[in-house]
Each structure stands twice: as structure tokens, then as C-alpha cells.
N, C-alpha and C. Protein backbone atom coordinates (compact mmCIF):
# COMPACT_ATOMS: atom_id res chain seq x y z
N MET A 1 -16.92 35.58 38.23
CA MET A 1 -17.70 35.25 37.03
C MET A 1 -16.89 34.36 36.11
N GLU A 2 -15.58 34.66 35.96
CA GLU A 2 -14.73 33.86 35.10
C GLU A 2 -14.61 32.44 35.63
N ILE A 3 -14.57 32.32 37.00
CA ILE A 3 -14.46 30.99 37.60
C ILE A 3 -15.69 30.17 37.26
N GLN A 4 -16.87 30.78 37.35
CA GLN A 4 -18.11 30.07 37.01
C GLN A 4 -18.13 29.69 35.54
N LEU A 5 -17.69 30.59 34.69
CA LEU A 5 -17.68 30.32 33.26
C LEU A 5 -16.80 29.12 32.96
N ASP A 6 -15.61 29.09 33.59
CA ASP A 6 -14.69 27.97 33.37
C ASP A 6 -15.29 26.67 33.90
N PHE A 7 -15.97 26.75 35.05
CA PHE A 7 -16.56 25.57 35.66
C PHE A 7 -17.59 24.94 34.74
N PHE A 8 -18.34 25.76 34.06
CA PHE A 8 -19.38 25.25 33.18
C PHE A 8 -18.91 25.05 31.73
N GLY A 9 -17.60 25.04 31.55
CA GLY A 9 -17.08 24.75 30.21
C GLY A 9 -16.91 25.98 29.37
N GLY A 10 -16.42 27.08 29.95
CA GLY A 10 -16.25 28.31 29.21
C GLY A 10 -14.95 28.38 28.46
N LYS A 11 -14.35 29.57 28.43
CA LYS A 11 -13.18 29.82 27.59
C LYS A 11 -12.02 28.90 27.91
N ALA A 12 -11.72 28.71 29.18
CA ALA A 12 -10.59 27.86 29.57
C ALA A 12 -10.81 26.43 29.11
N ALA A 13 -12.04 25.95 29.25
CA ALA A 13 -12.34 24.58 28.83
C ALA A 13 -12.19 24.42 27.33
N VAL A 14 -12.62 25.42 26.59
CA VAL A 14 -12.49 25.39 25.13
C VAL A 14 -11.03 25.37 24.73
N GLU A 15 -10.23 26.23 25.40
CA GLU A 15 -8.81 26.27 25.08
C GLU A 15 -8.12 24.97 25.43
N GLU A 16 -8.53 24.34 26.54
CA GLU A 16 -7.94 23.06 26.94
C GLU A 16 -8.28 21.99 25.91
N ALA A 17 -9.54 21.96 25.45
CA ALA A 17 -9.94 20.98 24.44
C ALA A 17 -9.16 21.19 23.16
N ARG A 18 -8.96 22.44 22.80
CA ARG A 18 -8.20 22.74 21.58
C ARG A 18 -6.76 22.28 21.72
N ALA A 19 -6.18 22.43 22.91
CA ALA A 19 -4.80 22.03 23.15
C ALA A 19 -4.63 20.52 23.03
N LEU A 20 -5.72 19.78 23.16
CA LEU A 20 -5.66 18.32 23.08
C LEU A 20 -6.02 17.81 21.69
N ASP A 21 -6.16 18.70 20.73
CA ASP A 21 -6.63 18.30 19.40
C ASP A 21 -5.59 18.54 18.32
N HIS A 22 -4.31 18.51 18.66
CA HIS A 22 -3.26 18.60 17.66
C HIS A 22 -3.26 17.32 16.82
N ARG A 23 -2.92 17.47 15.54
CA ARG A 23 -2.76 16.31 14.65
C ARG A 23 -1.45 16.47 13.88
N TYR A 24 -0.64 15.43 13.89
CA TYR A 24 0.60 15.38 13.11
C TYR A 24 0.52 14.14 12.24
N TYR A 25 0.65 14.31 10.92
CA TYR A 25 0.47 13.15 10.06
C TYR A 25 1.19 13.35 8.72
N PHE A 26 1.51 12.20 8.09
CA PHE A 26 2.04 12.19 6.74
C PHE A 26 0.87 12.29 5.77
N THR A 27 1.07 13.02 4.68
CA THR A 27 -0.06 13.27 3.79
C THR A 27 0.39 13.61 2.38
N LEU A 28 -0.53 13.50 1.44
CA LEU A 28 -0.37 14.00 0.08
C LEU A 28 -1.21 15.27 -0.05
N VAL A 29 -0.71 16.24 -0.78
CA VAL A 29 -1.39 17.54 -0.89
C VAL A 29 -1.60 17.88 -2.37
N PRO A 30 -2.83 18.16 -2.79
CA PRO A 30 -3.06 18.53 -4.19
C PRO A 30 -2.50 19.90 -4.51
N PRO A 31 -2.15 20.17 -5.77
CA PRO A 31 -1.69 21.51 -6.15
C PRO A 31 -2.77 22.54 -5.85
N PRO A 32 -2.40 23.77 -5.48
CA PRO A 32 -3.38 24.79 -5.10
C PRO A 32 -4.49 25.02 -6.13
N ALA A 33 -4.12 25.08 -7.42
CA ALA A 33 -5.14 25.36 -8.45
C ALA A 33 -6.17 24.23 -8.50
N LEU A 34 -5.70 22.99 -8.39
CA LEU A 34 -6.62 21.85 -8.41
C LEU A 34 -7.47 21.84 -7.15
N ALA A 35 -6.86 22.16 -6.01
CA ALA A 35 -7.62 22.19 -4.76
C ALA A 35 -8.76 23.20 -4.84
N GLN A 36 -8.51 24.32 -5.48
CA GLN A 36 -9.57 25.32 -5.63
C GLN A 36 -10.70 24.79 -6.52
N LYS A 37 -10.34 24.06 -7.57
CA LYS A 37 -11.37 23.45 -8.42
C LYS A 37 -12.20 22.44 -7.64
N MET A 38 -11.52 21.66 -6.80
CA MET A 38 -12.25 20.67 -6.01
C MET A 38 -13.16 21.34 -4.99
N GLU A 39 -12.71 22.45 -4.42
CA GLU A 39 -13.57 23.17 -3.49
C GLU A 39 -14.80 23.71 -4.20
N ARG A 40 -14.61 24.29 -5.39
CA ARG A 40 -15.78 24.80 -6.14
C ARG A 40 -16.74 23.67 -6.48
N GLY A 41 -16.21 22.55 -6.95
CA GLY A 41 -17.07 21.41 -7.27
C GLY A 41 -17.79 20.89 -6.05
N ALA A 42 -17.09 20.84 -4.91
CA ALA A 42 -17.72 20.38 -3.67
C ALA A 42 -18.85 21.30 -3.25
N ARG A 43 -18.65 22.62 -3.40
CA ARG A 43 -19.70 23.57 -3.01
C ARG A 43 -20.96 23.38 -3.86
N MET A 44 -20.78 23.18 -5.15
CA MET A 44 -21.93 22.98 -6.03
C MET A 44 -22.69 21.72 -5.65
N LEU A 45 -21.96 20.64 -5.37
CA LEU A 45 -22.60 19.39 -5.01
C LEU A 45 -23.22 19.47 -3.62
N ALA A 46 -22.53 20.10 -2.69
CA ALA A 46 -23.02 20.19 -1.31
C ALA A 46 -24.34 20.94 -1.24
N LEU A 47 -24.49 22.01 -2.05
CA LEU A 47 -25.73 22.79 -2.02
C LEU A 47 -26.93 21.95 -2.42
N ARG A 48 -26.72 20.98 -3.30
CA ARG A 48 -27.82 20.08 -3.68
C ARG A 48 -28.31 19.25 -2.50
N HIS A 49 -27.44 19.08 -1.51
CA HIS A 49 -27.78 18.26 -0.34
C HIS A 49 -27.99 19.11 0.91
N GLY A 50 -28.18 20.42 0.70
CA GLY A 50 -28.47 21.30 1.82
C GLY A 50 -27.29 21.57 2.74
N VAL A 51 -26.07 21.38 2.23
CA VAL A 51 -24.87 21.61 3.04
C VAL A 51 -24.15 22.84 2.50
N ARG A 52 -23.77 23.74 3.38
CA ARG A 52 -23.15 24.99 2.95
C ARG A 52 -21.65 25.06 3.23
N LYS A 53 -21.18 24.26 4.18
CA LYS A 53 -19.78 24.35 4.57
C LYS A 53 -19.01 23.15 4.03
N VAL A 54 -17.98 23.41 3.24
CA VAL A 54 -17.14 22.34 2.70
C VAL A 54 -15.69 22.58 3.15
N VAL A 55 -14.86 21.56 2.93
CA VAL A 55 -13.45 21.69 3.28
C VAL A 55 -12.80 22.69 2.32
N ARG A 56 -12.15 23.70 2.86
CA ARG A 56 -11.51 24.73 2.04
C ARG A 56 -10.32 24.14 1.28
N ALA A 57 -9.99 24.78 0.19
CA ALA A 57 -8.91 24.30 -0.68
C ALA A 57 -7.61 24.13 0.09
N GLU A 58 -7.29 25.07 0.97
CA GLU A 58 -6.01 25.02 1.67
C GLU A 58 -5.95 23.93 2.74
N ARG A 59 -7.09 23.28 3.02
CA ARG A 59 -7.11 22.19 4.01
C ARG A 59 -7.26 20.82 3.36
N GLN A 60 -7.39 20.77 2.05
CA GLN A 60 -7.60 19.49 1.38
C GLN A 60 -6.31 18.67 1.37
N HIS A 61 -6.45 17.36 1.58
CA HIS A 61 -5.28 16.49 1.65
C HIS A 61 -5.73 15.04 1.57
N VAL A 62 -4.78 14.16 1.33
CA VAL A 62 -5.00 12.72 1.38
C VAL A 62 -4.13 12.17 2.50
N SER A 63 -4.73 11.83 3.62
CA SER A 63 -3.97 11.35 4.77
C SER A 63 -3.27 10.03 4.45
N LEU A 64 -2.03 9.92 4.89
CA LEU A 64 -1.29 8.67 4.75
C LEU A 64 -1.20 7.93 6.09
N HIS A 65 -0.60 8.58 7.09
CA HIS A 65 -0.49 7.90 8.39
C HIS A 65 -0.36 8.94 9.49
N ILE A 66 -1.11 8.74 10.56
CA ILE A 66 -1.03 9.62 11.71
C ILE A 66 0.26 9.35 12.47
N VAL A 67 0.87 10.39 13.00
CA VAL A 67 2.07 10.25 13.83
C VAL A 67 1.72 10.52 15.29
N GLU A 68 0.97 11.59 15.54
CA GLU A 68 0.60 11.96 16.90
C GLU A 68 -0.74 12.64 16.89
N LYS A 69 -1.57 12.34 17.89
CA LYS A 69 -2.89 12.96 18.02
C LYS A 69 -3.09 13.30 19.47
N GLY A 70 -3.33 14.58 19.76
CA GLY A 70 -3.52 15.00 21.13
C GLY A 70 -2.77 16.29 21.40
N ARG A 71 -1.84 16.23 22.33
CA ARG A 71 -1.05 17.41 22.65
C ARG A 71 0.04 17.63 21.62
N GLU A 72 0.78 18.73 21.78
CA GLU A 72 1.86 19.03 20.86
C GLU A 72 2.89 17.90 20.87
N ILE A 73 3.48 17.65 19.71
CA ILE A 73 4.39 16.53 19.56
C ILE A 73 5.68 16.75 20.34
N ALA A 74 6.20 15.69 20.94
CA ALA A 74 7.47 15.76 21.65
C ALA A 74 8.61 15.82 20.64
N GLY A 75 9.71 16.45 21.04
CA GLY A 75 10.83 16.64 20.12
C GLY A 75 11.40 15.34 19.61
N ASP A 76 11.51 14.31 20.47
CA ASP A 76 12.09 13.05 20.00
C ASP A 76 11.17 12.34 19.02
N LEU A 77 9.86 12.44 19.21
CA LEU A 77 8.92 11.84 18.27
C LEU A 77 8.95 12.57 16.94
N LEU A 78 9.07 13.88 16.97
CA LEU A 78 9.20 14.64 15.73
C LEU A 78 10.47 14.24 14.99
N ASP A 79 11.56 14.07 15.72
CA ASP A 79 12.81 13.63 15.09
C ASP A 79 12.63 12.28 14.43
N ASP A 80 11.93 11.36 15.11
CA ASP A 80 11.67 10.03 14.53
C ASP A 80 10.85 10.15 13.26
N ALA A 81 9.82 10.99 13.28
CA ALA A 81 8.96 11.16 12.11
C ALA A 81 9.75 11.70 10.93
N LEU A 82 10.63 12.65 11.19
CA LEU A 82 11.46 13.21 10.11
C LEU A 82 12.41 12.15 9.56
N GLU A 83 12.94 11.34 10.42
CA GLU A 83 13.84 10.27 9.97
C GLU A 83 13.06 9.23 9.16
N ILE A 84 11.85 8.92 9.58
CA ILE A 84 11.01 7.98 8.84
C ILE A 84 10.74 8.52 7.43
N GLY A 85 10.40 9.80 7.35
CA GLY A 85 10.17 10.39 6.03
C GLY A 85 11.38 10.25 5.13
N ASN A 86 12.57 10.38 5.71
CA ASN A 86 13.81 10.27 4.92
C ASN A 86 14.04 8.87 4.36
N THR A 87 13.43 7.86 4.98
CA THR A 87 13.67 6.48 4.54
C THR A 87 12.81 6.06 3.36
N ILE A 88 11.75 6.81 3.07
CA ILE A 88 10.78 6.37 2.06
C ILE A 88 11.33 6.63 0.66
N ARG A 89 11.35 5.58 -0.16
CA ARG A 89 11.82 5.66 -1.54
C ARG A 89 10.74 5.09 -2.46
N ARG A 90 10.02 5.96 -3.10
CA ARG A 90 8.95 5.55 -4.01
C ARG A 90 8.94 6.45 -5.23
N PRO A 91 8.53 5.91 -6.39
CA PRO A 91 8.42 6.77 -7.57
C PRO A 91 7.17 7.64 -7.51
N GLY A 92 7.19 8.74 -8.25
CA GLY A 92 6.01 9.57 -8.38
C GLY A 92 4.92 8.83 -9.16
N PHE A 93 3.71 9.32 -9.07
CA PHE A 93 2.58 8.65 -9.73
C PHE A 93 1.47 9.67 -9.94
N GLU A 94 0.44 9.26 -10.65
CA GLU A 94 -0.72 10.14 -10.87
C GLU A 94 -1.91 9.62 -10.09
N MET A 95 -2.64 10.54 -9.48
CA MET A 95 -3.89 10.20 -8.81
C MET A 95 -5.03 10.79 -9.62
N ALA A 96 -6.11 10.05 -9.70
CA ALA A 96 -7.32 10.52 -10.38
C ALA A 96 -8.52 10.24 -9.49
N PHE A 97 -9.02 11.26 -8.83
CA PHE A 97 -10.19 11.11 -7.97
C PHE A 97 -11.45 11.21 -8.83
N ASP A 98 -12.15 10.09 -8.90
CA ASP A 98 -13.25 10.01 -9.86
C ASP A 98 -14.58 9.56 -9.27
N MET A 99 -14.68 9.45 -7.95
CA MET A 99 -15.96 9.05 -7.35
C MET A 99 -16.20 9.78 -6.03
N VAL A 100 -17.45 10.18 -5.82
CA VAL A 100 -17.89 10.74 -4.54
C VAL A 100 -18.56 9.62 -3.75
N ARG A 101 -18.15 9.47 -2.48
CA ARG A 101 -18.70 8.42 -1.63
C ARG A 101 -18.96 8.96 -0.23
N THR A 102 -19.72 8.20 0.55
CA THR A 102 -19.96 8.53 1.95
C THR A 102 -19.29 7.49 2.81
N PHE A 103 -18.46 7.94 3.75
CA PHE A 103 -17.85 7.04 4.72
C PHE A 103 -18.71 6.98 5.97
N GLY A 104 -18.37 6.06 6.87
CA GLY A 104 -19.14 5.88 8.09
C GLY A 104 -19.19 7.13 8.94
N ALA A 105 -20.31 7.35 9.60
CA ALA A 105 -20.50 8.56 10.40
C ALA A 105 -19.65 8.54 11.65
N LYS A 106 -19.24 9.73 12.07
CA LYS A 106 -18.50 9.91 13.31
C LYS A 106 -19.31 10.81 14.22
N ARG A 107 -19.49 10.38 15.46
CA ARG A 107 -20.28 11.18 16.40
C ARG A 107 -19.41 12.27 17.00
N SER A 108 -19.91 13.49 16.96
CA SER A 108 -19.18 14.62 17.52
C SER A 108 -19.22 14.57 19.04
N ARG A 109 -18.38 15.41 19.65
CA ARG A 109 -18.33 15.45 21.10
C ARG A 109 -19.62 16.00 21.68
N GLY A 110 -19.93 15.55 22.89
CA GLY A 110 -21.09 16.07 23.59
C GLY A 110 -22.40 15.51 23.08
N GLY A 111 -22.34 14.36 22.38
CA GLY A 111 -23.56 13.74 21.90
C GLY A 111 -24.21 14.46 20.75
N VAL A 112 -23.47 15.32 20.08
CA VAL A 112 -24.02 16.05 18.94
C VAL A 112 -24.29 15.06 17.81
N ARG A 113 -25.19 15.42 16.94
CA ARG A 113 -25.60 14.57 15.83
C ARG A 113 -24.41 14.07 15.02
N ALA A 114 -24.47 12.82 14.61
CA ALA A 114 -23.37 12.22 13.85
C ALA A 114 -23.15 12.95 12.53
N GLN A 115 -21.90 13.02 12.12
CA GLN A 115 -21.53 13.67 10.87
C GLN A 115 -20.90 12.65 9.94
N TYR A 116 -21.34 12.65 8.68
CA TYR A 116 -20.81 11.73 7.69
C TYR A 116 -19.72 12.41 6.86
N PRO A 117 -18.53 11.81 6.77
CA PRO A 117 -17.53 12.34 5.84
C PRO A 117 -17.92 12.03 4.40
N ILE A 118 -18.03 13.06 3.59
CA ILE A 118 -18.28 12.89 2.16
C ILE A 118 -16.91 13.06 1.48
N VAL A 119 -16.51 12.05 0.70
CA VAL A 119 -15.12 11.99 0.25
C VAL A 119 -15.05 11.74 -1.26
N LEU A 120 -13.87 12.08 -1.79
CA LEU A 120 -13.50 11.67 -3.14
C LEU A 120 -12.59 10.46 -3.01
N THR A 121 -12.84 9.43 -3.82
CA THR A 121 -11.95 8.27 -3.88
C THR A 121 -11.42 8.14 -5.30
N CYS A 122 -10.38 7.33 -5.44
CA CYS A 122 -9.70 7.26 -6.73
C CYS A 122 -9.56 5.83 -7.23
N SER A 123 -9.69 5.65 -8.53
CA SER A 123 -9.43 4.36 -9.15
C SER A 123 -8.00 4.29 -9.66
N ASN A 124 -7.40 5.45 -9.91
CA ASN A 124 -6.02 5.51 -10.40
C ASN A 124 -5.14 6.16 -9.34
N GLY A 125 -4.09 5.47 -8.91
CA GLY A 125 -3.19 6.01 -7.91
C GLY A 125 -3.39 5.44 -6.53
N ALA A 126 -4.50 4.73 -6.32
CA ALA A 126 -4.77 4.19 -4.99
C ALA A 126 -3.68 3.21 -4.55
N ARG A 127 -3.26 2.34 -5.47
CA ARG A 127 -2.25 1.33 -5.12
C ARG A 127 -0.93 1.99 -4.71
N ASP A 128 -0.55 3.06 -5.41
CA ASP A 128 0.70 3.75 -5.08
C ASP A 128 0.62 4.44 -3.72
N ALA A 129 -0.51 5.08 -3.44
CA ALA A 129 -0.69 5.73 -2.14
C ALA A 129 -0.67 4.69 -1.02
N LYS A 130 -1.28 3.54 -1.26
CA LYS A 130 -1.27 2.47 -0.26
C LYS A 130 0.14 1.95 -0.02
N ALA A 131 0.95 1.93 -1.07
CA ALA A 131 2.33 1.47 -0.93
C ALA A 131 3.15 2.41 -0.05
N ILE A 132 2.95 3.72 -0.21
CA ILE A 132 3.64 4.69 0.65
C ILE A 132 3.18 4.51 2.09
N TYR A 133 1.87 4.34 2.27
CA TYR A 133 1.34 4.10 3.62
C TYR A 133 1.99 2.88 4.24
N ALA A 134 2.09 1.79 3.47
CA ALA A 134 2.68 0.56 4.00
C ALA A 134 4.14 0.76 4.38
N ASP A 135 4.88 1.52 3.56
CA ASP A 135 6.28 1.79 3.87
C ASP A 135 6.41 2.62 5.15
N ILE A 136 5.58 3.66 5.29
CA ILE A 136 5.62 4.49 6.49
C ILE A 136 5.26 3.64 7.72
N ARG A 137 4.22 2.84 7.59
CA ARG A 137 3.79 1.98 8.70
C ARG A 137 4.90 1.03 9.14
N GLN A 138 5.58 0.44 8.16
CA GLN A 138 6.67 -0.49 8.46
C GLN A 138 7.80 0.22 9.21
N GLN A 139 8.14 1.43 8.75
CA GLN A 139 9.20 2.18 9.40
C GLN A 139 8.80 2.62 10.80
N MET A 140 7.53 2.98 10.98
CA MET A 140 7.06 3.36 12.31
C MET A 140 7.14 2.18 13.27
N GLN A 141 6.84 0.99 12.78
CA GLN A 141 7.00 -0.20 13.60
C GLN A 141 8.46 -0.40 13.98
N ARG A 142 9.34 -0.18 13.02
CA ARG A 142 10.77 -0.34 13.28
C ARG A 142 11.25 0.61 14.36
N PHE A 143 10.65 1.81 14.41
CA PHE A 143 11.02 2.79 15.42
C PHE A 143 10.26 2.57 16.74
N GLY A 144 9.42 1.56 16.77
CA GLY A 144 8.67 1.26 17.98
C GLY A 144 7.50 2.19 18.24
N LEU A 145 6.95 2.78 17.17
CA LEU A 145 5.84 3.72 17.31
C LEU A 145 4.50 3.04 17.03
N SER A 146 3.43 3.64 17.50
CA SER A 146 2.09 3.12 17.26
C SER A 146 1.75 3.24 15.78
N VAL A 147 1.09 2.23 15.26
CA VAL A 147 0.75 2.22 13.84
C VAL A 147 -0.75 2.02 13.64
N GLY A 148 -1.20 2.37 12.44
CA GLY A 148 -2.59 2.21 12.08
C GLY A 148 -2.88 0.84 11.49
N PRO A 149 -4.03 0.66 10.85
CA PRO A 149 -4.39 -0.62 10.25
C PRO A 149 -3.39 -1.04 9.18
N ARG A 150 -3.45 -2.30 8.78
CA ARG A 150 -2.51 -2.82 7.78
C ARG A 150 -2.68 -2.14 6.43
N SER A 151 -3.90 -1.68 6.15
CA SER A 151 -4.15 -1.01 4.88
C SER A 151 -5.09 0.17 5.11
N MET A 152 -5.22 0.99 4.09
CA MET A 152 -6.14 2.13 4.16
C MET A 152 -6.70 2.38 2.77
N GLU A 153 -7.77 3.17 2.72
CA GLU A 153 -8.36 3.55 1.44
C GLU A 153 -8.07 5.02 1.19
N PRO A 154 -7.24 5.33 0.19
CA PRO A 154 -6.93 6.74 -0.09
C PRO A 154 -8.20 7.52 -0.40
N HIS A 155 -8.35 8.68 0.23
CA HIS A 155 -9.54 9.50 0.00
C HIS A 155 -9.23 10.94 0.37
N LEU A 156 -10.06 11.82 -0.12
CA LEU A 156 -9.94 13.24 0.16
C LEU A 156 -11.32 13.73 0.60
N THR A 157 -11.43 14.18 1.85
CA THR A 157 -12.72 14.61 2.40
C THR A 157 -13.08 15.99 1.86
N ILE A 158 -14.31 16.12 1.36
CA ILE A 158 -14.74 17.41 0.81
C ILE A 158 -15.76 18.12 1.70
N TRP A 159 -16.48 17.37 2.55
CA TRP A 159 -17.30 18.00 3.59
C TRP A 159 -17.76 16.95 4.59
N TYR A 160 -18.26 17.45 5.73
CA TYR A 160 -18.93 16.62 6.72
C TYR A 160 -20.37 17.07 6.79
N GLY A 161 -21.29 16.11 6.76
CA GLY A 161 -22.70 16.49 6.76
C GLY A 161 -23.55 15.54 7.57
N PRO A 162 -24.80 15.91 7.82
CA PRO A 162 -25.69 15.10 8.65
C PRO A 162 -26.25 13.87 7.95
N GLY A 163 -26.08 13.80 6.63
CA GLY A 163 -26.64 12.67 5.90
C GLY A 163 -25.71 12.11 4.84
N LYS A 164 -26.04 10.90 4.40
CA LYS A 164 -25.27 10.26 3.34
C LYS A 164 -25.65 10.86 1.99
N VAL A 165 -24.77 10.68 1.01
CA VAL A 165 -25.09 11.03 -0.37
C VAL A 165 -24.87 9.79 -1.23
N PRO A 166 -25.62 9.65 -2.32
CA PRO A 166 -25.43 8.49 -3.19
C PRO A 166 -24.05 8.52 -3.84
N ASP A 167 -23.49 7.35 -4.10
CA ASP A 167 -22.23 7.28 -4.84
C ASP A 167 -22.40 7.98 -6.19
N LEU A 168 -21.37 8.71 -6.58
CA LEU A 168 -21.43 9.47 -7.82
C LEU A 168 -20.10 9.34 -8.56
N ILE A 169 -20.16 8.85 -9.79
CA ILE A 169 -18.95 8.78 -10.62
C ILE A 169 -18.81 10.11 -11.35
N LEU A 170 -17.65 10.73 -11.24
CA LEU A 170 -17.41 12.03 -11.86
C LEU A 170 -17.05 11.87 -13.34
N ARG A 171 -17.69 12.66 -14.17
CA ARG A 171 -17.37 12.60 -15.61
C ARG A 171 -15.97 13.13 -15.88
N ARG A 172 -15.55 14.11 -15.08
CA ARG A 172 -14.20 14.67 -15.23
C ARG A 172 -13.45 14.49 -13.91
N PRO A 173 -12.65 13.45 -13.80
CA PRO A 173 -11.91 13.22 -12.55
C PRO A 173 -10.95 14.36 -12.25
N PHE A 174 -10.66 14.52 -10.98
CA PHE A 174 -9.65 15.47 -10.54
C PHE A 174 -8.30 14.74 -10.51
N ARG A 175 -7.41 15.15 -11.40
CA ARG A 175 -6.12 14.46 -11.55
C ARG A 175 -4.97 15.35 -11.13
N TRP A 176 -3.94 14.70 -10.55
CA TRP A 176 -2.69 15.44 -10.36
C TRP A 176 -1.51 14.47 -10.26
N PRO A 177 -0.34 14.89 -10.77
CA PRO A 177 0.86 14.08 -10.64
C PRO A 177 1.45 14.25 -9.24
N VAL A 178 1.52 13.19 -8.49
CA VAL A 178 2.03 13.23 -7.12
C VAL A 178 3.55 13.13 -7.18
N ARG A 179 4.21 14.17 -6.72
CA ARG A 179 5.68 14.22 -6.79
C ARG A 179 6.34 14.35 -5.42
N SER A 180 5.53 14.40 -4.35
CA SER A 180 6.10 14.50 -3.01
C SER A 180 5.03 14.13 -1.98
N PHE A 181 5.48 13.90 -0.76
CA PHE A 181 4.57 13.76 0.37
C PHE A 181 5.09 14.62 1.51
N TRP A 182 4.22 14.85 2.50
CA TRP A 182 4.49 15.86 3.52
C TRP A 182 4.26 15.31 4.92
N LEU A 183 4.89 15.97 5.90
CA LEU A 183 4.52 15.84 7.31
C LEU A 183 3.91 17.18 7.70
N VAL A 184 2.67 17.14 8.20
CA VAL A 184 1.97 18.39 8.53
C VAL A 184 1.43 18.35 9.95
N HIS A 185 1.10 19.53 10.43
CA HIS A 185 0.50 19.72 11.75
C HIS A 185 -0.77 20.53 11.58
N THR A 186 -1.87 20.07 12.16
CA THR A 186 -3.12 20.82 12.12
C THR A 186 -3.69 20.95 13.52
N LEU A 187 -4.53 21.96 13.67
CA LEU A 187 -5.19 22.26 14.94
C LEU A 187 -6.49 22.97 14.60
N PRO A 188 -7.58 22.68 15.29
CA PRO A 188 -8.83 23.38 15.00
C PRO A 188 -8.63 24.89 15.02
N GLY A 189 -9.17 25.54 14.01
CA GLY A 189 -9.06 26.99 13.92
C GLY A 189 -7.94 27.46 13.01
N MET A 190 -6.97 26.56 12.70
CA MET A 190 -5.91 26.92 11.77
C MET A 190 -6.48 27.00 10.37
N ARG A 191 -6.17 28.06 9.66
CA ARG A 191 -6.71 28.21 8.31
C ARG A 191 -6.09 27.21 7.34
N ARG A 192 -4.84 26.92 7.52
CA ARG A 192 -4.16 25.94 6.68
C ARG A 192 -3.19 25.14 7.53
N PRO A 193 -2.82 23.93 7.10
CA PRO A 193 -1.88 23.13 7.88
C PRO A 193 -0.52 23.82 8.00
N GLU A 194 0.21 23.43 9.01
CA GLU A 194 1.61 23.82 9.15
C GLU A 194 2.45 22.73 8.49
N TYR A 195 3.16 23.09 7.44
CA TYR A 195 3.95 22.11 6.70
C TYR A 195 5.32 21.99 7.37
N LEU A 196 5.59 20.83 7.95
CA LEU A 196 6.82 20.63 8.72
C LEU A 196 7.95 20.08 7.87
N ALA A 197 7.63 19.26 6.87
CA ALA A 197 8.68 18.69 6.01
C ALA A 197 8.05 18.15 4.74
N GLU A 198 8.85 18.14 3.67
CA GLU A 198 8.42 17.60 2.39
C GLU A 198 9.50 16.66 1.87
N TRP A 199 9.07 15.52 1.29
CA TRP A 199 10.02 14.56 0.72
C TRP A 199 9.63 14.30 -0.74
N PRO A 200 10.55 14.45 -1.67
CA PRO A 200 10.22 14.20 -3.09
C PRO A 200 10.12 12.72 -3.37
N LEU A 201 9.26 12.40 -4.35
CA LEU A 201 9.17 11.04 -4.90
C LEU A 201 9.94 11.05 -6.21
N SER A 202 10.70 9.99 -6.46
CA SER A 202 11.52 9.96 -7.66
C SER A 202 10.66 9.91 -8.91
N ARG A 203 11.18 10.43 -9.99
CA ARG A 203 10.42 10.46 -11.25
C ARG A 203 10.69 9.21 -12.08
């Protein structure tokens, strides 16, 4: 019976898919109290659009640059990522997320209905976050690693849903002083990221 279950995509197949979904990336992380406020605000807004599941406070982040996607990271690649983090020299700054937007839809596995990332974007702090991204990207190139696009748009995903939402300017932006960045590891089913390293930004 177990053999048939595995053949048709049962427990073993699920575990194999999960093993291929590791993510290692540099990121900015909001303070816990602010993350909880953003989760509450996201829940209130999501209910207006018929969405009940939002990104939990402990999973909220602003991605900077992916390091590895797939299986668990190799030791030499992890060493390179830690060394890259050590090279970044940037001052601290403030981020103010003041707009809700919809990004392009991503189709889930197995032909499931497309899901739209609903995100917070910022008018204040975007340039500084982009500068850190550019520095990390440059160092990854120097180490001979795969890199992302030349630029990115800083954002914080608050939920994934089946439909778009209109752009919304927030009367009270979510602000925080960014004083460090992180290297984290995530995997489906993890309640919170695994924080592998933190690097302070100068004041």
C-alpha cells in the first residue's frame, strides 16, 4: 500500500518536494512588534478581499538577494555567503512602507490557480535597500556565484491571493530603523526562518 501511495505522489513524494524547496537568502527583518502590527493590518485588509491567510509576523521580511534555492546549501557556498556578508559596509537607514500593491501572479505547482503576491512597498528607504542589494550582487559576482537582476524593488509580502487588489496609499506608514541585515534559511512548514548570520549597518 505504501508503494502505491508513493507511486501516486504520497508521503515520500511530498517529502522529496519539500527537500527541494530550501531557500537561503540575504534579507532585512522588521522588529517583532512592528511585524505584529503589519500582520494585524494585513488581516483586516485581506478580509475585505475574501482572503483569510496572511503572512505571519515571524515570516515577514524584505528579500535582498537569493543565495541558494533547492536542496540544502553546500558548506563551501555557505562559507562564501558568510564572507560576502562580512564585506558589506553600509550605513543604517529608515524604511517606511506606505503603499499596498499587487505584483505579477505566480502559478503554483500542478497547474493550480495563479496566486498574486500582495505586497507593501516603500517610498522611503528603497534606495538604501537597493544599494545593499547591489553590493551583495557585486560581491557574489566576484565569488563566481549566480546573481539576480541588476536591480530590484524592495517589498514585503503580506499575503498571496487569487486576485489583484487596487493600489492603496497607507495613511500611517509602517516605519522602522534598519540597523542590520541577515542571512536566513527557510523551508515550507517552518514556523519562522532559521537565522544563520546577522551583520550590523553602521550608524
